[in-house]
C-alpha atoms as a PDB file:
ATOM      1  CA  MET A   1      19.471 -12.396 -43.068  1.00  0.00           C
ATOM      2  CA  HIS A   2      23.132 -12.723 -43.788  1.00  0.00           C
ATOM      3  CA  MET A   3      25.820 -15.338 -43.492  1.00  0.00           C
ATOM      4  CA  ASP A   4      28.914 -14.792 -41.358  1.00  0.00           C
ATOM      5  CA  ASP A   5      31.683 -16.749 -43.095  1.00  0.00           C
ATOM      6  CA  THR A   6      33.502 -17.205 -39.791  1.00  0.00           C
ATOM      7  CA  LYS A   7      30.517 -19.117 -38.457  1.00  0.00           C
ATOM      8  CA  SER A   8      29.947 -21.337 -41.476  1.00  0.00           C
ATOM      9  CA  ILE A   9      33.108 -23.408 -40.959  1.00  0.00           C
ATOM     10  CA  SER A  10      32.006 -26.994 -40.316  1.00  0.00           C
ATOM     11  CA  PRO A  11      33.663 -29.131 -37.632  1.00  0.00           C
ATOM     12  CA  LYS A  12      35.497 -32.296 -38.617  1.00  0.00           C
ATOM     13  CA  ARG A  13      33.163 -35.276 -39.034  1.00  0.00           C
ATOM     14  CA  LEU A  14      33.680 -38.138 -36.615  1.00  0.00           C
ATOM     15  CA  TYR A  15      31.716 -40.637 -38.722  1.00  0.00           C
ATOM     16  CA  ALA A  16      31.800 -40.964 -42.510  1.00  0.00           C
ATOM     17  CA  ALA A  17      28.718 -41.078 -44.721  1.00  0.00           C
ATOM     18  CA  GLY A  18      26.869 -44.384 -44.404  1.00  0.00           C
ATOM     19  CA  SER A  19      29.351 -45.816 -41.893  1.00  0.00           C
ATOM     20  CA  ILE A  20      26.840 -46.521 -39.085  1.00  0.00           C
ATOM     21  CA  ASN A  21      23.854 -48.875 -38.982  1.00  0.00           C
ATOM     22  CA  SER A  22      21.808 -50.589 -36.289  1.00  0.00           C
ATOM     23  CA  SER A  23      24.422 -53.324 -35.833  1.00  0.00           C
ATOM     24  CA  ASN A  24      27.312 -51.000 -34.941  1.00  0.00           C
ATOM     25  CA  LEU A  25      25.298 -48.154 -33.432  1.00  0.00           C
ATOM     26  CA  GLY A  26      26.334 -49.294 -29.957  1.00  0.00           C
ATOM     27  CA  GLU A  27      29.981 -48.667 -30.828  1.00  0.00           C
ATOM     28  CA  THR A  28      29.454 -44.927 -31.349  1.00  0.00           C
ATOM     29  CA  ILE A  29      29.940 -42.251 -28.685  1.00  0.00           C
ATOM     30  CA  PRO A  30      26.911 -41.706 -26.383  1.00  0.00           C
ATOM     31  CA  ASP A  31      25.958 -38.426 -28.067  1.00  0.00           C
ATOM     32  CA  TYR A  32      25.478 -40.194 -31.388  1.00  0.00           C
ATOM     33  CA  ARG A  33      22.456 -42.335 -30.547  1.00  0.00           C
ATOM     34  CA  GLU A  34      20.823 -39.532 -28.551  1.00  0.00           C
ATOM     35  CA  SER A  35      21.245 -37.071 -31.436  1.00  0.00           C
ATOM     36  CA  LEU A  36      20.072 -39.588 -34.035  1.00  0.00           C
ATOM     37  CA  VAL A  37      16.934 -40.410 -32.076  1.00  0.00           C
ATOM     38  CA  ARG A  38      16.125 -36.737 -31.561  1.00  0.00           C
ATOM     39  CA  MET A  39      16.520 -35.881 -35.246  1.00  0.00           C
ATOM     40  CA  MET A  40      14.525 -38.848 -36.523  1.00  0.00           C
ATOM     41  CA  SER A  41      11.793 -38.204 -33.945  1.00  0.00           C
ATOM     42  CA  VAL A  42      11.348 -34.646 -35.180  1.00  0.00           C
ATOM     43  CA  MET A  43      11.209 -35.814 -38.802  1.00  0.00           C
ATOM     44  CA  ALA A  44       8.643 -38.517 -38.069  1.00  0.00           C
ATOM     45  CA  PHE A  45       6.461 -36.064 -36.120  1.00  0.00           C
ATOM     46  CA  THR A  46       6.660 -33.486 -38.910  1.00  0.00           C
ATOM     47  CA  GLU A  47       5.749 -35.971 -41.648  1.00  0.00           C
ATOM     48  CA  ASN A  48       2.778 -37.193 -39.640  1.00  0.00           C
ATOM     49  CA  SER A  49       1.609 -33.634 -38.894  1.00  0.00           C
ATOM     50  CA  VAL A  50       1.426 -32.877 -42.626  1.00  0.00           C
ATOM     51  CA  ALA A  51      -0.826 -35.920 -43.170  1.00  0.00           C
ATOM     52  CA  VAL A  52      -3.085 -34.853 -40.302  1.00  0.00           C
ATOM     53  CA  GLY A  53      -3.421 -31.314 -41.656  1.00  0.00           C
ATOM     54  CA  LEU A  54      -4.162 -32.502 -45.180  1.00  0.00           C
ATOM     55  CA  GLN A  55      -7.213 -34.474 -44.006  1.00  0.00           C
ATOM     56  CA  GLU A  56      -9.174 -31.222 -43.790  1.00  0.00           C
ATOM     57  CA  PHE A  57      -8.903 -30.768 -47.558  1.00  0.00           C
ATOM     58  CA  VAL A  58     -10.403 -34.120 -48.577  1.00  0.00           C
ATOM     59  CA  PRO A  59     -14.000 -32.768 -48.647  1.00  0.00           C
ATOM     60  CA  LEU A  60     -12.918 -29.323 -49.921  1.00  0.00           C
ATOM     61  CA  THR A  61     -11.230 -30.413 -53.134  1.00  0.00           C
ATOM     62  CA  SER A  62     -12.254 -32.124 -56.366  1.00  0.00           C
ATOM     63  CA  GLY A  63     -10.720 -33.504 -59.544  1.00  0.00           C
ATOM     64  CA  LYS A  64      -6.936 -33.552 -59.848  1.00  0.00           C
ATOM     65  CA  GLU A  65      -6.566 -31.430 -56.714  1.00  0.00           C
ATOM     66  CA  HIS A  66      -8.575 -33.971 -54.706  1.00  0.00           C
ATOM     67  CA  ALA A  67      -6.534 -36.856 -56.117  1.00  0.00           C
ATOM     68  CA  HIS A  68      -3.319 -35.083 -55.142  1.00  0.00           C
ATOM     69  CA  VAL A  69      -4.525 -34.508 -51.583  1.00  0.00           C
ATOM     70  CA  LEU A  70      -5.407 -38.188 -51.164  1.00  0.00           C
ATOM     71  CA  GLU A  71      -2.059 -39.261 -52.614  1.00  0.00           C
ATOM     72  CA  ALA A  72      -0.142 -36.761 -50.476  1.00  0.00           C
ATOM     73  CA  ILE A  73      -1.861 -37.987 -47.302  1.00  0.00           C
ATOM     74  CA  GLU A  74      -0.790 -41.553 -48.038  1.00  0.00           C
ATOM     75  CA  ASP A  75       2.729 -40.407 -48.934  1.00  0.00           C
ATOM     76  CA  GLU A  76       3.157 -38.428 -45.716  1.00  0.00           C
ATOM     77  CA  LYS A  77       1.798 -41.293 -43.618  1.00  0.00           C
ATOM     78  CA  LYS A  78       4.239 -43.645 -45.325  1.00  0.00           C
ATOM     79  CA  HIS A  79       7.147 -41.235 -44.781  1.00  0.00           C
ATOM     80  CA  GLY A  80       6.366 -40.954 -41.102  1.00  0.00           C
ATOM     81  CA  ARG A  81       5.941 -44.724 -40.807  1.00  0.00           C
ATOM     82  CA  LEU A  82       9.324 -45.365 -42.433  1.00  0.00           C
ATOM     83  CA  VAL A  83      11.086 -43.160 -39.895  1.00  0.00           C
ATOM     84  CA  TYR A  84       9.084 -44.523 -36.953  1.00  0.00           C
ATOM     85  CA  GLU A  85      10.141 -48.020 -38.050  1.00  0.00           C
ATOM     86  CA  LEU A  86      13.798 -46.972 -37.973  1.00  0.00           C
ATOM     87  CA  LEU A  87      13.261 -45.697 -34.446  1.00  0.00           C
ATOM     88  CA  GLU A  88      11.569 -48.921 -33.386  1.00  0.00           C
ATOM     89  CA  GLU A  89      14.562 -50.882 -34.717  1.00  0.00           C
ATOM     90  CA  ILE A  90      16.730 -49.169 -32.122  1.00  0.00           C
ATOM     91  CA  GLY A  91      14.221 -49.452 -29.279  1.00  0.00           C
ATOM     92  CA  VAL A  92      12.266 -46.183 -29.482  1.00  0.00           C
ATOM     93  CA  SER A  93       8.459 -46.383 -29.643  1.00  0.00           C
ATOM     94  CA  ARG A  94       6.282 -43.967 -31.603  1.00  0.00           C
ATOM     95  CA  ALA A  95       4.891 -42.470 -28.401  1.00  0.00           C
ATOM     96  CA  GLU A  96       8.401 -41.928 -27.061  1.00  0.00           C
ATOM     97  CA  ALA A  97       9.498 -40.366 -30.342  1.00  0.00           C
ATOM     98  CA  ASP A  98       6.583 -37.917 -30.472  1.00  0.00           C
ATOM     99  CA  SER A  99       7.133 -36.908 -26.858  1.00  0.00           C
ATOM    100  CA  LEU A 100      10.826 -36.366 -27.507  1.00  0.00           C
ATOM    101  CA  ALA A 101      10.144 -34.310 -30.631  1.00  0.00           C
ATOM    102  CA  LEU A 102       7.925 -31.893 -28.738  1.00  0.00           C
ATOM    103  CA  LYS A 103      10.344 -31.617 -25.820  1.00  0.00           C
ATOM    104  CA  SER A 104      13.638 -31.388 -27.664  1.00  0.00           C
ATOM    105  CA  VAL A 105      12.895 -28.780 -30.330  1.00  0.00           C
ATOM    106  CA  ARG A 106      12.374 -25.070 -29.784  1.00  0.00           C
ATOM    107  CA  SER A 107       8.687 -24.228 -30.153  1.00  0.00           C
ATOM    108  CA  GLU A 108       9.501 -21.816 -32.991  1.00  0.00           C
ATOM    109  CA  SER A 109      10.882 -24.649 -35.123  1.00  0.00           C
ATOM    110  CA  LEU A 110       7.732 -26.754 -34.837  1.00  0.00           C
ATOM    111  CA  ARG A 111       5.246 -23.869 -34.990  1.00  0.00           C
ATOM    112  CA  ALA A 112       4.424 -24.504 -38.661  1.00  0.00           C
ATOM    113  CA  SER A 113       3.842 -28.232 -38.115  1.00  0.00           C
ATOM    114  CA  ILE A 114       1.651 -27.689 -35.048  1.00  0.00           C
ATOM    115  CA  ASP A 115      -0.385 -24.864 -36.630  1.00  0.00           C
ATOM    116  CA  TRP A 116      -0.918 -26.951 -39.772  1.00  0.00           C
ATOM    117  CA  MET A 117      -2.805 -29.556 -37.730  1.00  0.00           C
ATOM    118  CA  LYS A 118      -5.335 -26.944 -36.507  1.00  0.00           C
ATOM    119  CA  PRO A 119      -8.724 -26.752 -38.297  1.00  0.00           C
ATOM    120  CA  GLY A 120     -10.035 -23.776 -40.259  1.00  0.00           C
ATOM    121  CA  LYS A 121      -7.643 -23.755 -43.209  1.00  0.00           C
ATOM    122  CA  SER A 122      -8.502 -22.581 -46.733  1.00  0.00           C
ATOM    123  CA  LEU A 123      -7.527 -23.745 -50.201  1.00  0.00           C
ATOM    124  CA  GLU A 124      -5.088 -20.820 -50.238  1.00  0.00           C
ATOM    125  CA  ASP A 125      -3.482 -22.349 -47.152  1.00  0.00           C
ATOM    126  CA  LEU A 126      -3.082 -25.623 -49.053  1.00  0.00           C
ATOM    127  CA  ALA A 127      -1.311 -23.966 -51.977  1.00  0.00           C
ATOM    128  CA  VAL A 128       0.959 -21.768 -49.874  1.00  0.00           C
ATOM    129  CA  TYR A 129       1.821 -24.428 -47.304  1.00  0.00           C
ATOM    130  CA  SER A 130       2.606 -27.026 -49.972  1.00  0.00           C
ATOM    131  CA  PHE A 131       4.735 -24.505 -51.825  1.00  0.00           C
ATOM    132  CA  LEU A 132       6.656 -23.395 -48.726  1.00  0.00           C
ATOM    133  CA  LEU A 133       6.874 -26.314 -46.296  1.00  0.00           C
ATOM    134  CA  ASP A 134       7.380 -29.121 -48.790  1.00  0.00           C
ATOM    135  CA  ARG A 135      10.107 -27.071 -50.457  1.00  0.00           C
ATOM    136  CA  ALA A 136      11.722 -26.279 -47.092  1.00  0.00           C
ATOM    137  CA  GLY A 137      11.491 -29.945 -46.139  1.00  0.00           C
ATOM    138  CA  ASN A 138      13.386 -30.873 -49.281  1.00  0.00           C
ATOM    139  CA  PHE A 139      16.301 -28.681 -48.210  1.00  0.00           C
ATOM    140  CA  HIS A 140      16.420 -30.625 -44.940  1.00  0.00           C
ATOM    141  CA  LEU A 141      16.203 -33.983 -46.711  1.00  0.00           C
ATOM    142  CA  ARG A 142      19.106 -33.136 -49.007  1.00  0.00           C
ATOM    143  CA  ASN A 143      21.103 -32.223 -45.912  1.00  0.00           C
ATOM    144  CA  TYR A 144      20.706 -35.798 -44.632  1.00  0.00           C
ATOM    145  CA  LEU A 145      21.453 -37.750 -47.820  1.00  0.00           C
ATOM    146  CA  LYS A 146      25.136 -38.214 -46.980  1.00  0.00           C
ATOM    147  CA  GLY A 147      24.455 -38.827 -43.305  1.00  0.00           C
ATOM    148  CA  SER A 148      26.514 -41.250 -41.296  1.00  0.00           C
ATOM    149  CA  TYR A 149      23.518 -43.400 -40.276  1.00  0.00           C
ATOM    150  CA  ALA A 150      22.981 -45.417 -43.465  1.00  0.00           C
ATOM    151  CA  PRO A 151      19.377 -46.598 -42.841  1.00  0.00           C
ATOM    152  CA  TRP A 152      18.129 -43.049 -42.283  1.00  0.00           C
ATOM    153  CA  ALA A 153      20.049 -41.618 -45.241  1.00  0.00           C
ATOM    154  CA  GLY A 154      18.439 -44.253 -47.456  1.00  0.00           C
ATOM    155  CA  VAL A 155      14.935 -43.464 -46.209  1.00  0.00           C
ATOM    156  CA  CYS A 156      15.539 -39.737 -46.761  1.00  0.00           C
ATOM    157  CA  ALA A 157      16.544 -40.410 -50.358  1.00  0.00           C
ATOM    158  CA  SER A 158      13.325 -42.307 -51.059  1.00  0.00           C
ATOM    159  CA  ILE A 159      11.185 -39.657 -49.327  1.00  0.00           C
ATOM    160  CA  LEU A 160      12.821 -36.839 -51.287  1.00  0.00           C
ATOM    161  CA  VAL A 161      11.637 -38.245 -54.626  1.00  0.00           C
ATOM    162  CA  GLU A 162       7.975 -37.942 -53.588  1.00  0.00           C
ATOM    163  CA  GLU A 163       8.349 -34.685 -51.677  1.00  0.00           C
ATOM    164  CA  GLU A 164       9.742 -32.910 -54.728  1.00  0.00           C
ATOM    165  CA  GLY A 165       6.438 -33.686 -56.448  1.00  0.00           C
ATOM    166  CA  HIS A 166       4.508 -32.213 -53.515  1.00  0.00           C
ATOM    167  CA  ALA A 167       6.480 -28.963 -53.685  1.00  0.00           C
ATOM    168  CA  ASP A 168       5.839 -28.702 -57.419  1.00  0.00           C
ATOM    169  CA  PHE A 169       2.102 -29.173 -56.805  1.00  0.00           C
ATOM    170  CA  GLY A 170       2.211 -26.272 -54.359  1.00  0.00           C
ATOM    171  CA  PHE A 171       3.942 -24.032 -56.883  1.00  0.00           C
ATOM    172  CA  GLN A 172       1.444 -24.882 -59.644  1.00  0.00           C
ATOM    173  CA  GLN A 173      -1.481 -24.214 -57.273  1.00  0.00           C
ATOM    174  CA  LEU A 174       0.070 -20.957 -56.170  1.00  0.00           C
ATOM    175  CA  LYS A 175       0.585 -19.911 -59.778  1.00  0.00           C
ATOM    176  CA  ALA A 176      -3.003 -20.753 -60.731  1.00  0.00           C
ATOM    177  CA  ILE A 177      -4.508 -18.850 -57.803  1.00  0.00           C
ATOM    178  CA  ALA A 178      -2.222 -15.845 -58.328  1.00  0.00           C
ATOM    179  CA  GLU A 179      -3.800 -15.397 -61.763  1.00  0.00           C
ATOM    180  CA  THR A 180      -7.336 -15.138 -60.327  1.00  0.00           C
ATOM    181  CA  SER A 181      -9.308 -12.786 -58.110  1.00  0.00           C
ATOM    182  CA  ARG A 182      -8.064 -14.798 -55.096  1.00  0.00           C
ATOM    183  CA  ARG A 183      -4.589 -13.284 -55.441  1.00  0.00           C
ATOM    184  CA  ALA A 184      -5.080 -11.141 -52.312  1.00  0.00           C
ATOM    185  CA  GLU A 185      -5.948 -14.226 -50.270  1.00  0.00           C
ATOM    186  CA  VAL A 186      -2.743 -15.919 -51.434  1.00  0.00           C
ATOM    187  CA  GLU A 187      -0.666 -12.895 -50.479  1.00  0.00           C
ATOM    188  CA  GLY A 188      -2.329 -12.927 -47.052  1.00  0.00           C
ATOM    189  CA  MET A 189      -1.513 -16.599 -46.520  1.00  0.00           C
ATOM    190  CA  LEU A 190       2.083 -16.076 -47.651  1.00  0.00           C
ATOM    191  CA  ALA A 191       2.449 -13.404 -44.978  1.00  0.00           C
ATOM    192  CA  VAL A 192       1.102 -15.843 -42.365  1.00  0.00           C
ATOM    193  CA  TRP A 193       3.129 -18.936 -43.289  1.00  0.00           C
ATOM    194  CA  TYR A 194       6.421 -17.514 -44.557  1.00  0.00           C
ATOM    195  CA  PRO A 195       7.926 -16.531 -41.172  1.00  0.00           C
ATOM    196  CA  LYS A 196       6.767 -19.837 -39.668  1.00  0.00           C
ATOM    197  CA  ILE A 197       8.536 -21.757 -42.434  1.00  0.00           C
ATOM    198  CA  LEU A 198      11.712 -19.717 -41.955  1.00  0.00           C
ATOM    199  CA  ASP A 199      11.607 -20.709 -38.276  1.00  0.00           C
ATOM    200  CA  PHE A 200      11.140 -24.330 -39.363  1.00  0.00           C
ATOM    201  CA  PHE A 201      14.839 -24.378 -40.319  1.00  0.00           C
ATOM    202  CA  GLY A 202      15.809 -23.827 -36.692  1.00  0.00           C
ATOM    203  CA  ARG A 203      18.243 -21.659 -34.814  1.00  0.00           C
ATOM    204  CA  PRO A 204      21.276 -20.471 -36.830  1.00  0.00           C
ATOM    205  CA  TYR A 205      24.765 -21.655 -35.917  1.00  0.00           C
ATOM    206  CA  SER A 206      23.663 -23.448 -32.765  1.00  0.00           C
ATOM    207  CA  PRO A 207      25.959 -25.752 -30.765  1.00  0.00           C
ATOM    208  CA  THR A 208      23.429 -28.534 -31.308  1.00  0.00           C
ATOM    209  CA  THR A 209      23.638 -28.275 -35.095  1.00  0.00           C
ATOM    210  CA  ALA A 210      27.439 -28.106 -34.902  1.00  0.00           C
ATOM    211  CA  LYS A 211      27.324 -31.377 -32.973  1.00  0.00           C
ATOM    212  CA  TYR A 212      25.058 -32.986 -35.581  1.00  0.00           C
ATOM    213  CA  ILE A 213      27.513 -31.972 -38.319  1.00  0.00           C
ATOM    214  CA  GLU A 214      30.423 -33.339 -36.302  1.00  0.00           C
ATOM    215  CA  LEU A 215      28.609 -36.652 -35.899  1.00  0.00           C
ATOM    216  CA  GLY A 216      27.999 -36.784 -39.642  1.00  0.00           C
ATOM    217  CA  LEU A 217      24.219 -36.590 -39.293  1.00  0.00           C
ATOM    218  CA  LYS A 218      24.028 -33.274 -41.151  1.00  0.00           C
ATOM    219  CA  GLU A 219      26.245 -31.635 -43.746  1.00  0.00           C
ATOM    220  CA  ARG A 220      25.390 -27.960 -43.399  1.00  0.00           C
ATOM    221  CA  ASP A 221      24.097 -25.414 -40.896  1.00  0.00           C
ATOM    222  CA  ASN A 222      20.451 -24.340 -40.669  1.00  0.00           C
ATOM    223  CA  GLU A 223      21.254 -20.787 -41.717  1.00  0.00           C
ATOM    224  CA  GLU A 224      22.934 -21.853 -44.935  1.00  0.00           C
ATOM    225  CA  LEU A 225      19.837 -23.837 -45.887  1.00  0.00           C
ATOM    226  CA  ARG A 226      17.496 -21.011 -44.893  1.00  0.00           C
ATOM    227  CA  LEU A 227      19.382 -18.500 -47.053  1.00  0.00           C
ATOM    228  CA  GLU A 228      19.227 -20.789 -50.087  1.00  0.00           C
ATOM    229  CA  PHE A 229      15.536 -21.421 -49.442  1.00  0.00           C
ATOM    230  CA  THR A 230      14.743 -17.692 -49.301  1.00  0.00           C
ATOM    231  CA  GLU A 231      16.618 -17.081 -52.550  1.00  0.00           C
ATOM    232  CA  GLU A 232      14.737 -19.874 -54.327  1.00  0.00           C
ATOM    233  CA  THR A 233      11.401 -18.775 -52.867  1.00  0.00           C
ATOM    234  CA  ARG A 234      11.968 -15.175 -53.918  1.00  0.00           C
ATOM    235  CA  ARG A 235      12.770 -16.290 -57.469  1.00  0.00           C
ATOM    236  CA  LEU A 236       9.722 -18.552 -57.771  1.00  0.00           C
ATOM    237  CA  LEU A 237       7.349 -15.957 -56.324  1.00  0.00           C
ATOM    238  CA  SER A 238       8.691 -13.378 -58.757  1.00  0.00           C
ATOM    239  CA  ALA A 239       8.040 -15.790 -61.634  1.00  0.00           C
ATOM    240  CA  VAL A 240       4.300 -15.704 -60.848  1.00  0.00           C
ATOM    241  CA  GLY A 241       4.161 -11.994 -60.090  1.00  0.00           C
ATOM    242  CA  LEU A 242       4.263 -12.255 -56.299  1.00  0.00           C
ATOM    243  CA  GLN A 243       6.704 -10.677 -53.887  1.00  0.00           C
ATOM    244  CA  GLU A 244       8.490 -12.166 -50.901  1.00  0.00           C
ATOM    245  CA  PRO A 245       6.410 -11.256 -47.834  1.00  0.00           C
ATOM    246  CA  LYS A 246       7.787  -8.495 -45.630  1.00  0.00           C
ATOM    247  CA  LEU A 247       8.995  -9.790 -42.285  1.00  0.00           C
ATOM    248  CA  THR A 248       8.223  -8.188 -38.940  1.00  0.00           C
ATOM    249  CA  ARG A 249      11.440  -9.664 -37.566  1.00  0.00           C
ATOM    250  CA  GLN A 250      14.661  -9.920 -39.566  1.00  0.00           C
ATOM    251  CA  GLU A 251      16.286 -12.732 -37.571  1.00  0.00           C
ATOM    252  CA  TYR A 252      15.394 -16.020 -35.894  1.00  0.00           C
ATOM    253  CA  PRO A 253      12.746 -16.394 -34.589  1.00  0.00           C
ATOM    254  CA  PHE A 254      11.087 -14.666 -37.539  1.00  0.00           C
ATOM    255  CA  CYS A 255       7.507 -15.298 -36.461  1.00  0.00           C
ATOM    256  CA  PRO A 256       6.336 -12.758 -33.849  1.00  0.00           C
ATOM    257  CA  ASP A 257       4.755 -14.199 -30.708  1.00  0.00           C
END
């Protein structure tokens, strides 16, 4: 992966940070509401999918790990609910939002969220997924903090506080398992989830993302975030004696069909 500086130039923002809310949303250009609804729908679906996938670990965990799983489920449900409520405020139901999320996003970008809801996961899956997806999600959240739609930017700020704790839990679990005889299982799960999480960032330098930046809904391109995520992931894995998984594909989509 590499960054082409000629592509990373951001378009001029049409709407300043925090300048739009539900009362003046109707005064924006048509693309604004459509883009806002699409982005919030994807976030709400993703938050809810994490809660669904975590349910499998309730009977598999104990002690502090069990307490974290229960807390994380409630957190993710709350995060999804907060975004669904924002959508309802502007006339979009939960069913409509979920349908839109699945239709409007490339399947590669939602592969991790959809696969996480499937049964048959292990405790190694829990550690690796929490370490990777929650950390990747935090990069997205930070990209929305100065968004032009004030209600959503505020919700993202509150979600980020809790999600940072989830990512740290994943790292501590990963570190603990890497020091045991289950190290090989962790490496296997990293190889499975890592390309899916890279795809979670979305297509690089797409016209759609450029439009979101122009509307003030995002600050930076997907590829910039993905590169920073890979650098941080590589550093953290190295700190616990693990290596970044080798990729079959070197560009988006990273996960082979």
